[in-house]
Structure formats: C-alpha cells, structure tokens
Amino acid sequence: MPKKKKAKKTKKTKALKKSNLGIKKKSTKNKEKETLILRKNNNYSTEDKVEIKKIKKQATEKREYNVKDFVVYPKHGVGKILAVEKAKIGQIDIHFYKIFIEKEKLTLTVPINQQFNLRPIASINQINKCISILKTKPKIKRTMWSRRAQEYDQKINSGKIYELAEVVKDLNKNTDIIADQSYSERQLFEKAYERLKSEFEAVLDVSIEEVQKKMDKALGRTPPLEEEK
C-alpha cells in the first residue's frame, strides 16, 4: 500500500513539471518576439519612416432644409433652395445647398456644415408682429447720420426680421416723394423695404401688389399723385 501512494505523487509532480516547462517555453518565445520587434524598430532610420497624412473630412451635420424651401441669407435676403448637391474640392467631398436669390438674380452655394448662416422664413405670427412694428411711431435719434446709417445697415444685414421692420419704420417718410428723403436715407429704406416685402410675399403667398398695399397701409404711406395726361 505505501508503494502505490508514492507512485501517485510522482505522477503529479511530473505533470506539474511539464506544465511549468510549457509556461517557461511560451514566455521565452514571447520575449524573443519582443526583442526582434524592438531590434527591427531600432534599425529603421528617420528617413525610412512613412509619413501618415490626415484625411480631411467635411464636418458632418444633419441637413435642415429641403429643395424648394425658402430660407433667409442675412446679407442677401430671401432665397429658394434649388438643389442639394455634392462637389469634390481637392480630395474632400462637400455637400451644399444651391440657393437662388430672386431679387438679386444671384445663385449662392452654401455648404451644409455652414447652414447656421441661414434661417427659415418667418411664421405668420412673426409677420403679424412686424405689421404691428410698422404701425408704431419712428424713433428719431439725434446722433450723427453716418453713425445711424451704419446701425441701420447692420440691422438690415443681421437677418433678423424684427430689426428689419424697425429700420423700415424708422426711415419711413409716409410718402414716395424723393425730395422728402436724402439719397442715402432712401437707399437704406428701399433696401430694408424690399427685403421685408420679399419675406412677406414668401410667407403670405400672395402677389407683390397685395403685400405692398398691406405694408404701406401699416406705414401710413400715401402714394404719389399720378401725373395728368
């Protein structure tokens, strides 16, 4: 009986020795691989290293507008999206809107990752508020005209419809007679008036004549007398 016990112990020890040898062999092999890799890396000179060029991509943004949508580009006014297209500039694919500005007969290309420059056209409630602004009395400032003209121009190009309505209201002279306004005043008034009118037209979906009547009524404008034939 005691001999059998000794035999069992020797079998266990042999198995343990074999497993330990296997672990040692694996570890030595891994170490050898690591040293070979290090040697290879060290043998490379700086000239042999490959330059990794970063691939530039257009910032991905969800498209907010669709074809045939009316939008407002602050510096140009109301436009209509004709198409959403893709172009390759260098090695970069760029998606952009093609926008036609009817008033200026101008086609703009606005990248989708810069669509924050656009805004949707006003709602009916905003149009009604603009009409109420046009009905109020103009604010007369006593500052120099050059400074006021600069402020009016900034408001016109801000793209904010309420500021546009304020410029129209402040520069309104209740008449179309040229003598009642200076040249620069009239230029700014017409610019603001036409931009506001084009947005009214797009929102209300009525003719230019009807929009003009609505705006002139709110401003209390009297049309010039027609010359007798």
C-alpha atoms as a PDB file:
ATOM      1  CA  MET A   1       0.000   0.000   0.000  1.00  0.00           C
ATOM      2  CA  PRO A   2       2.639   2.647   0.782  1.00  0.00           C
ATOM      3  CA  LYS A   3       4.341   1.978  -2.618  1.00  0.00           C
ATOM      4  CA  LYS A   4       1.161   2.897  -4.517  1.00  0.00           C
ATOM      5  CA  LYS A   5       0.952   6.264  -2.695  1.00  0.00           C
ATOM      6  CA  LYS A   6       4.488   7.101  -3.790  1.00  0.00           C
ATOM      7  CA  ALA A   7       3.647   6.317  -7.423  1.00  0.00           C
ATOM      8  CA  LYS A   8       0.677   8.744  -7.356  1.00  0.00           C
ATOM      9  CA  LYS A   9       2.860  11.515  -6.004  1.00  0.00           C
ATOM     10  CA  THR A  10       5.445  11.062  -8.723  1.00  0.00           C
ATOM     11  CA  LYS A  11       2.787  11.290 -11.455  1.00  0.00           C
ATOM     12  CA  LYS A  12       1.513  14.597 -10.048  1.00  0.00           C
ATOM     13  CA  THR A  13       4.971  16.058  -9.805  1.00  0.00           C
ATOM     14  CA  LYS A  14       5.762  15.038 -13.382  1.00  0.00           C
ATOM     15  CA  ALA A  15       2.588  16.714 -14.624  1.00  0.00           C
ATOM     16  CA  LEU A  16       3.426  19.908 -12.730  1.00  0.00           C
ATOM     17  CA  LYS A  17       6.957  19.946 -14.128  1.00  0.00           C
ATOM     18  CA  LYS A  18       5.628  19.584 -17.688  1.00  0.00           C
ATOM     19  CA  SER A  19       3.167  22.461 -17.237  1.00  0.00           C
ATOM     20  CA  ASN A  20       5.876  24.687 -15.770  1.00  0.00           C
ATOM     21  CA  LEU A  21       8.164  23.913 -18.670  1.00  0.00           C
ATOM     22  CA  GLY A  22       5.405  24.807 -21.144  1.00  0.00           C
ATOM     23  CA  ILE A  23       4.833  28.192 -19.450  1.00  0.00           C
ATOM     24  CA  LYS A  24       8.565  28.890 -19.471  1.00  0.00           C
ATOM     25  CA  LYS A  25       8.827  27.993 -23.167  1.00  0.00           C
ATOM     26  CA  LYS A  26       5.906  30.312 -24.034  1.00  0.00           C
ATOM     27  CA  SER A  27       7.320  33.194 -22.006  1.00  0.00           C
ATOM     28  CA  THR A  28      10.747  32.824 -23.593  1.00  0.00           C
ATOM     29  CA  LYS A  29       9.202  32.740 -27.074  1.00  0.00           C
ATOM     30  CA  ASN A  30       7.214  35.925 -26.343  1.00  0.00           C
ATOM     31  CA  LYS A  31      10.355  37.633 -25.064  1.00  0.00           C
ATOM     32  CA  GLU A  32      12.253  36.618 -28.180  1.00  0.00           C
ATOM     33  CA  LYS A  33       9.493  38.083 -30.398  1.00  0.00           C
ATOM     34  CA  GLU A  34       9.513  41.350 -28.433  1.00  0.00           C
ATOM     35  CA  THR A  35      13.283  41.697 -28.754  1.00  0.00           C
ATOM     36  CA  LEU A  36      13.133  41.031 -32.517  1.00  0.00           C
ATOM     37  CA  ILE A  37      10.449  43.721 -32.944  1.00  0.00           C
ATOM     38  CA  LEU A  38      12.490  46.199 -30.906  1.00  0.00           C
ATOM     39  CA  ARG A  39      15.579  45.481 -32.973  1.00  0.00           C
ATOM     40  CA  LYS A  40      13.691  45.970 -36.208  1.00  0.00           C
ATOM     41  CA  ASN A  41      12.238  49.261 -34.996  1.00  0.00           C
ATOM     42  CA  ASN A  42      15.635  50.498 -33.866  1.00  0.00           C
ATOM     43  CA  ASN A  43      17.208  49.580 -37.207  1.00  0.00           C
ATOM     44  CA  TYR A  44      14.804  51.897 -39.076  1.00  0.00           C
ATOM     45  CA  SER A  45      16.239  55.343 -39.695  1.00  0.00           C
ATOM     46  CA  THR A  46      14.151  58.536 -39.578  1.00  0.00           C
ATOM     47  CA  GLU A  47      14.285  58.653 -43.388  1.00  0.00           C
ATOM     48  CA  ASP A  48      12.646  55.194 -43.690  1.00  0.00           C
ATOM     49  CA  LYS A  49       9.640  56.205 -41.566  1.00  0.00           C
ATOM     50  CA  VAL A  50       6.400  56.624 -43.534  1.00  0.00           C
ATOM     51  CA  GLU A  51       4.576  59.925 -43.155  1.00  0.00           C
ATOM     52  CA  ILE A  52       0.942  59.475 -42.163  1.00  0.00           C
ATOM     53  CA  LYS A  53      -1.267  62.104 -43.762  1.00  0.00           C
ATOM     54  CA  LYS A  54      -4.516  63.003 -42.070  1.00  0.00           C
ATOM     55  CA  ILE A  55      -7.584  62.713 -44.302  1.00  0.00           C
ATOM     56  CA  LYS A  56      -9.648  65.862 -44.116  1.00  0.00           C
ATOM     57  CA  LYS A  57     -13.395  65.410 -43.976  1.00  0.00           C
ATOM     58  CA  GLN A  58     -16.238  67.874 -44.065  1.00  0.00           C
ATOM     59  CA  ALA A  59     -17.874  68.230 -40.671  1.00  0.00           C
ATOM     60  CA  THR A  60     -20.970  66.043 -40.724  1.00  0.00           C
ATOM     61  CA  GLU A  61     -24.222  67.803 -39.978  1.00  0.00           C
ATOM     62  CA  LYS A  62     -27.831  66.846 -40.484  1.00  0.00           C
ATOM     63  CA  ARG A  63     -29.480  68.614 -43.374  1.00  0.00           C
ATOM     64  CA  GLU A  64     -32.026  71.079 -42.023  1.00  0.00           C
ATOM     65  CA  TYR A  65     -33.574  72.319 -45.270  1.00  0.00           C
ATOM     66  CA  ASN A  66     -35.026  70.646 -48.338  1.00  0.00           C
ATOM     67  CA  VAL A  67     -35.343  71.503 -52.017  1.00  0.00           C
ATOM     68  CA  LYS A  68     -37.978  74.235 -52.693  1.00  0.00           C
ATOM     69  CA  ASP A  69     -37.712  75.551 -49.104  1.00  0.00           C
ATOM     70  CA  PHE A  70     -37.497  79.318 -48.648  1.00  0.00           C
ATOM     71  CA  VAL A  71     -34.622  80.467 -46.454  1.00  0.00           C
ATOM     72  CA  VAL A  72     -33.089  83.793 -45.460  1.00  0.00           C
ATOM     73  CA  TYR A  73     -29.418  84.514 -46.044  1.00  0.00           C
ATOM     74  CA  PRO A  74     -28.733  87.643 -43.912  1.00  0.00           C
ATOM     75  CA  LYS A  75     -26.620  89.561 -46.440  1.00  0.00           C
ATOM     76  CA  HIS A  76     -28.865  88.855 -49.428  1.00  0.00           C
ATOM     77  CA  GLY A  77     -32.388  88.259 -48.133  1.00  0.00           C
ATOM     78  CA  VAL A  78     -34.945  85.606 -49.084  1.00  0.00           C
ATOM     79  CA  GLY A  79     -33.885  82.772 -51.369  1.00  0.00           C
ATOM     80  CA  LYS A  80     -35.224  79.440 -52.566  1.00  0.00           C
ATOM     81  CA  ILE A  81     -33.272  76.167 -52.366  1.00  0.00           C
ATOM     82  CA  LEU A  82     -32.977  74.799 -55.906  1.00  0.00           C
ATOM     83  CA  ALA A  83     -30.931  71.691 -55.142  1.00  0.00           C
ATOM     84  CA  VAL A  84     -28.708  69.887 -52.657  1.00  0.00           C
ATOM     85  CA  GLU A  85     -25.527  68.868 -54.464  1.00  0.00           C
ATOM     86  CA  LYS A  86     -22.113  67.327 -53.861  1.00  0.00           C
ATOM     87  CA  ALA A  87     -18.781  68.573 -55.176  1.00  0.00           C
ATOM     88  CA  LYS A  88     -15.187  67.456 -54.741  1.00  0.00           C
ATOM     89  CA  ILE A  89     -12.792  70.230 -53.742  1.00  0.00           C
ATOM     90  CA  GLY A  90      -9.262  68.847 -53.642  1.00  0.00           C
ATOM     91  CA  GLN A  91      -9.840  65.447 -52.047  1.00  0.00           C
ATOM     92  CA  ILE A  92     -12.770  66.497 -49.884  1.00  0.00           C
ATOM     93  CA  ASP A  93     -16.410  65.753 -50.695  1.00  0.00           C
ATOM     94  CA  ILE A  94     -18.579  68.735 -49.810  1.00  0.00           C
ATOM     95  CA  HIS A  95     -22.368  68.787 -49.694  1.00  0.00           C
ATOM     96  CA  PHE A  96     -24.002  72.165 -50.246  1.00  0.00           C
ATOM     97  CA  TYR A  97     -27.265  73.978 -50.945  1.00  0.00           C
ATOM     98  CA  LYS A  98     -27.840  75.856 -54.197  1.00  0.00           C
ATOM     99  CA  ILE A  99     -29.931  78.912 -53.268  1.00  0.00           C
ATOM    100  CA  PHE A 100     -31.431  81.337 -55.759  1.00  0.00           C
ATOM    101  CA  ILE A 101     -31.993  84.932 -54.589  1.00  0.00           C
ATOM    102  CA  GLU A 102     -34.793  86.191 -56.848  1.00  0.00           C
ATOM    103  CA  LYS A 103     -34.408  89.889 -56.024  1.00  0.00           C
ATOM    104  CA  GLU A 104     -30.697  89.987 -56.871  1.00  0.00           C
ATOM    105  CA  LYS A 105     -30.777  87.277 -59.590  1.00  0.00           C
ATOM    106  CA  LEU A 106     -27.998  85.562 -57.665  1.00  0.00           C
ATOM    107  CA  THR A 107     -27.258  81.859 -57.027  1.00  0.00           C
ATOM    108  CA  LEU A 108     -25.428  81.033 -53.799  1.00  0.00           C
ATOM    109  CA  THR A 109     -23.687  77.815 -52.769  1.00  0.00           C
ATOM    110  CA  VAL A 110     -23.822  77.296 -49.007  1.00  0.00           C
ATOM    111  CA  PRO A 111     -22.064  74.201 -47.533  1.00  0.00           C
ATOM    112  CA  ILE A 112     -24.284  72.155 -45.237  1.00  0.00           C
ATOM    113  CA  ASN A 113     -21.729  72.484 -42.427  1.00  0.00           C
ATOM    114  CA  GLN A 114     -22.260  76.272 -42.674  1.00  0.00           C
ATOM    115  CA  GLN A 115     -26.059  76.213 -42.697  1.00  0.00           C
ATOM    116  CA  PHE A 116     -26.048  78.112 -39.400  1.00  0.00           C
ATOM    117  CA  ASN A 117     -25.715  81.199 -41.644  1.00  0.00           C
ATOM    118  CA  LEU A 118     -29.242  80.534 -42.905  1.00  0.00           C
ATOM    119  CA  ARG A 119     -32.561  80.841 -41.129  1.00  0.00           C
ATOM    120  CA  PRO A 120     -36.050  79.637 -42.049  1.00  0.00           C
ATOM    121  CA  ILE A 121     -38.544  82.251 -43.230  1.00  0.00           C
ATOM    122  CA  ALA A 122     -40.770  83.869 -40.616  1.00  0.00           C
ATOM    123  CA  SER A 123     -44.040  82.430 -39.326  1.00  0.00           C
ATOM    124  CA  ILE A 124     -47.454  84.107 -39.692  1.00  0.00           C
ATOM    125  CA  ASN A 125     -47.236  85.265 -36.056  1.00  0.00           C
ATOM    126  CA  GLN A 126     -43.867  86.930 -36.744  1.00  0.00           C
ATOM    127  CA  ILE A 127     -45.308  88.661 -39.826  1.00  0.00           C
ATOM    128  CA  ASN A 128     -48.214  89.975 -37.751  1.00  0.00           C
ATOM    129  CA  LYS A 129     -45.759  91.293 -35.154  1.00  0.00           C
ATOM    130  CA  CYS A 130     -43.803  93.032 -37.950  1.00  0.00           C
ATOM    131  CA  ILE A 131     -47.012  94.748 -39.093  1.00  0.00           C
ATOM    132  CA  SER A 132     -47.583  95.990 -35.549  1.00  0.00           C
ATOM    133  CA  ILE A 133     -43.972  97.329 -35.503  1.00  0.00           C
ATOM    134  CA  LEU A 134     -44.589  99.175 -38.784  1.00  0.00           C
ATOM    135  CA  LYS A 135     -47.643 100.855 -37.222  1.00  0.00           C
ATOM    136  CA  THR A 136     -45.664 102.351 -34.328  1.00  0.00           C
ATOM    137  CA  LYS A 137     -44.049 105.802 -34.383  1.00  0.00           C
ATOM    138  CA  PRO A 138     -40.492 106.032 -35.712  1.00  0.00           C
ATOM    139  CA  LYS A 139     -37.651 106.542 -33.237  1.00  0.00           C
ATOM    140  CA  ILE A 140     -35.822 109.758 -34.032  1.00  0.00           C
ATOM    141  CA  LYS A 141     -32.212 109.723 -32.818  1.00  0.00           C
ATOM    142  CA  ARG A 142     -30.128 112.876 -32.552  1.00  0.00           C
ATOM    143  CA  THR A 143     -26.822 111.173 -33.313  1.00  0.00           C
ATOM    144  CA  MET A 144     -24.836 111.861 -36.493  1.00  0.00           C
ATOM    145  CA  TRP A 145     -26.346 110.416 -39.662  1.00  0.00           C
ATOM    146  CA  SER A 146     -23.160 108.457 -40.530  1.00  0.00           C
ATOM    147  CA  ARG A 147     -23.419 106.558 -37.236  1.00  0.00           C
ATOM    148  CA  ARG A 148     -27.152 105.977 -37.641  1.00  0.00           C
ATOM    149  CA  ALA A 149     -26.642 104.797 -41.238  1.00  0.00           C
ATOM    150  CA  GLN A 150     -24.082 102.268 -40.020  1.00  0.00           C
ATOM    151  CA  GLU A 151     -26.513 100.983 -37.364  1.00  0.00           C
ATOM    152  CA  TYR A 152     -29.321 100.673 -39.915  1.00  0.00           C
ATOM    153  CA  ASP A 153     -27.064  98.796 -42.315  1.00  0.00           C
ATOM    154  CA  GLN A 154     -26.035  96.346 -39.572  1.00  0.00           C
ATOM    155  CA  LYS A 155     -29.686  95.724 -38.723  1.00  0.00           C
ATOM    156  CA  ILE A 156     -30.560  95.090 -42.374  1.00  0.00           C
ATOM    157  CA  ASN A 157     -27.730  92.554 -42.755  1.00  0.00           C
ATOM    158  CA  SER A 158     -28.419  90.868 -39.405  1.00  0.00           C
ATOM    159  CA  GLY A 159     -31.149  88.739 -40.985  1.00  0.00           C
ATOM    160  CA  LYS A 160     -33.463  89.396 -38.017  1.00  0.00           C
ATOM    161  CA  ILE A 161     -36.936  90.222 -39.284  1.00  0.00           C
ATOM    162  CA  TYR A 162     -37.937  92.462 -36.346  1.00  0.00           C
ATOM    163  CA  GLU A 163     -34.809  94.612 -36.779  1.00  0.00           C
ATOM    164  CA  LEU A 164     -35.596  94.845 -40.490  1.00  0.00           C
ATOM    165  CA  ALA A 165     -39.112  96.065 -39.693  1.00  0.00           C
ATOM    166  CA  GLU A 166     -37.688  98.668 -37.269  1.00  0.00           C
ATOM    167  CA  VAL A 167     -35.417 100.090 -39.991  1.00  0.00           C
ATOM    168  CA  VAL A 168     -38.364 100.369 -42.410  1.00  0.00           C
ATOM    169  CA  LYS A 169     -40.448 102.054 -39.723  1.00  0.00           C
ATOM    170  CA  ASP A 170     -37.701 104.495 -38.633  1.00  0.00           C
ATOM    171  CA  LEU A 171     -36.775 105.557 -42.190  1.00  0.00           C
ATOM    172  CA  ASN A 172     -40.348 105.778 -43.436  1.00  0.00           C
ATOM    173  CA  LYS A 173     -41.421 109.297 -44.551  1.00  0.00           C
ATOM    174  CA  ASN A 174     -45.079 108.370 -45.243  1.00  0.00           C
ATOM    175  CA  THR A 175     -44.610 109.172 -48.928  1.00  0.00           C
ATOM    176  CA  ASP A 176     -42.779 108.152 -52.077  1.00  0.00           C
ATOM    177  CA  ILE A 177     -41.752 111.707 -52.945  1.00  0.00           C
ATOM    178  CA  ILE A 178     -37.957 111.692 -53.418  1.00  0.00           C
ATOM    179  CA  ALA A 179     -37.492 115.251 -52.150  1.00  0.00           C
ATOM    180  CA  ASP A 180     -38.599 114.201 -48.647  1.00  0.00           C
ATOM    181  CA  GLN A 181     -35.532 111.959 -48.158  1.00  0.00           C
ATOM    182  CA  SER A 182     -31.801 112.234 -48.691  1.00  0.00           C
ATOM    183  CA  TYR A 183     -30.200 109.862 -51.209  1.00  0.00           C
ATOM    184  CA  SER A 184     -28.515 107.657 -48.548  1.00  0.00           C
ATOM    185  CA  GLU A 185     -31.691 107.527 -46.436  1.00  0.00           C
ATOM    186  CA  ARG A 186     -33.749 106.456 -49.412  1.00  0.00           C
ATOM    187  CA  GLN A 187     -31.214 103.779 -50.382  1.00  0.00           C
ATOM    188  CA  LEU A 188     -31.302 102.211 -46.927  1.00  0.00           C
ATOM    189  CA  PHE A 189     -35.088 102.477 -46.729  1.00  0.00           C
ATOM    190  CA  GLU A 190     -35.572 100.786 -50.119  1.00  0.00           C
ATOM    191  CA  LYS A 191     -33.104  98.018 -49.231  1.00  0.00           C
ATOM    192  CA  ALA A 192     -34.912  97.238 -45.968  1.00  0.00           C
ATOM    193  CA  TYR A 193     -38.370  97.690 -47.518  1.00  0.00           C
ATOM    194  CA  GLU A 194     -37.660  95.288 -50.413  1.00  0.00           C
ATOM    195  CA  ARG A 195     -36.189  92.627 -48.137  1.00  0.00           C
ATOM    196  CA  LEU A 196     -39.138  92.788 -45.787  1.00  0.00           C
ATOM    197  CA  LYS A 197     -41.550  92.741 -48.713  1.00  0.00           C
ATOM    198  CA  SER A 198     -39.944  89.622 -50.227  1.00  0.00           C
ATOM    199  CA  GLU A 199     -40.290  87.758 -46.911  1.00  0.00           C
ATOM    200  CA  PHE A 200     -43.904  88.882 -46.543  1.00  0.00           C
ATOM    201  CA  GLU A 201     -44.559  87.590 -50.061  1.00  0.00           C
ATOM    202  CA  ALA A 202     -42.956  84.166 -49.359  1.00  0.00           C
ATOM    203  CA  VAL A 203     -44.820  83.687 -46.070  1.00  0.00           C
ATOM    204  CA  LEU A 204     -48.248  85.029 -47.054  1.00  0.00           C
ATOM    205  CA  ASP A 205     -48.101  83.502 -50.560  1.00  0.00           C
ATOM    206  CA  VAL A 206     -49.798  86.489 -52.196  1.00  0.00           C
ATOM    207  CA  SER A 207     -48.881  88.849 -55.033  1.00  0.00           C
ATOM    208  CA  ILE A 208     -46.302  91.642 -54.657  1.00  0.00           C
ATOM    209  CA  GLU A 209     -49.040  94.248 -55.112  1.00  0.00           C
ATOM    210  CA  GLU A 210     -51.087  92.866 -52.209  1.00  0.00           C
ATOM    211  CA  VAL A 211     -48.016  92.697 -49.967  1.00  0.00           C
ATOM    212  CA  GLN A 212     -47.098  96.291 -50.815  1.00  0.00           C
ATOM    213  CA  LYS A 213     -50.623  97.503 -50.031  1.00  0.00           C
ATOM    214  CA  LYS A 214     -50.506  95.715 -46.671  1.00  0.00           C
ATOM    215  CA  MET A 215     -47.139  97.211 -45.746  1.00  0.00           C
ATOM    216  CA  ASP A 216     -47.983 100.726 -46.987  1.00  0.00           C
ATOM    217  CA  LYS A 217     -51.235 100.668 -45.026  1.00  0.00           C
ATOM    218  CA  ALA A 218     -49.349  99.764 -41.825  1.00  0.00           C
ATOM    219  CA  LEU A 219     -46.789 102.523 -42.519  1.00  0.00           C
ATOM    220  CA  GLY A 220     -49.465 105.066 -43.404  1.00  0.00           C
ATOM    221  CA  ARG A 221     -47.758 105.759 -46.722  1.00  0.00           C
ATOM    222  CA  THR A 222     -49.546 107.832 -49.370  1.00  0.00           C
ATOM    223  CA  PRO A 223     -48.633 107.014 -52.974  1.00  0.00           C
ATOM    224  CA  PRO A 224     -47.517 109.920 -55.188  1.00  0.00           C
ATOM    225  CA  LEU A 225     -50.177 111.626 -57.309  1.00  0.00           C
ATOM    226  CA  GLU A 226     -50.241 110.344 -60.881  1.00  0.00           C
ATOM    227  CA  GLU A 227     -49.443 112.950 -63.489  1.00  0.00           C
ATOM    228  CA  GLU A 228     -52.404 114.029 -65.532  1.00  0.00           C
ATOM    229  CA  LYS A 229     -52.195 113.004 -69.147  1.00  0.00           C
END
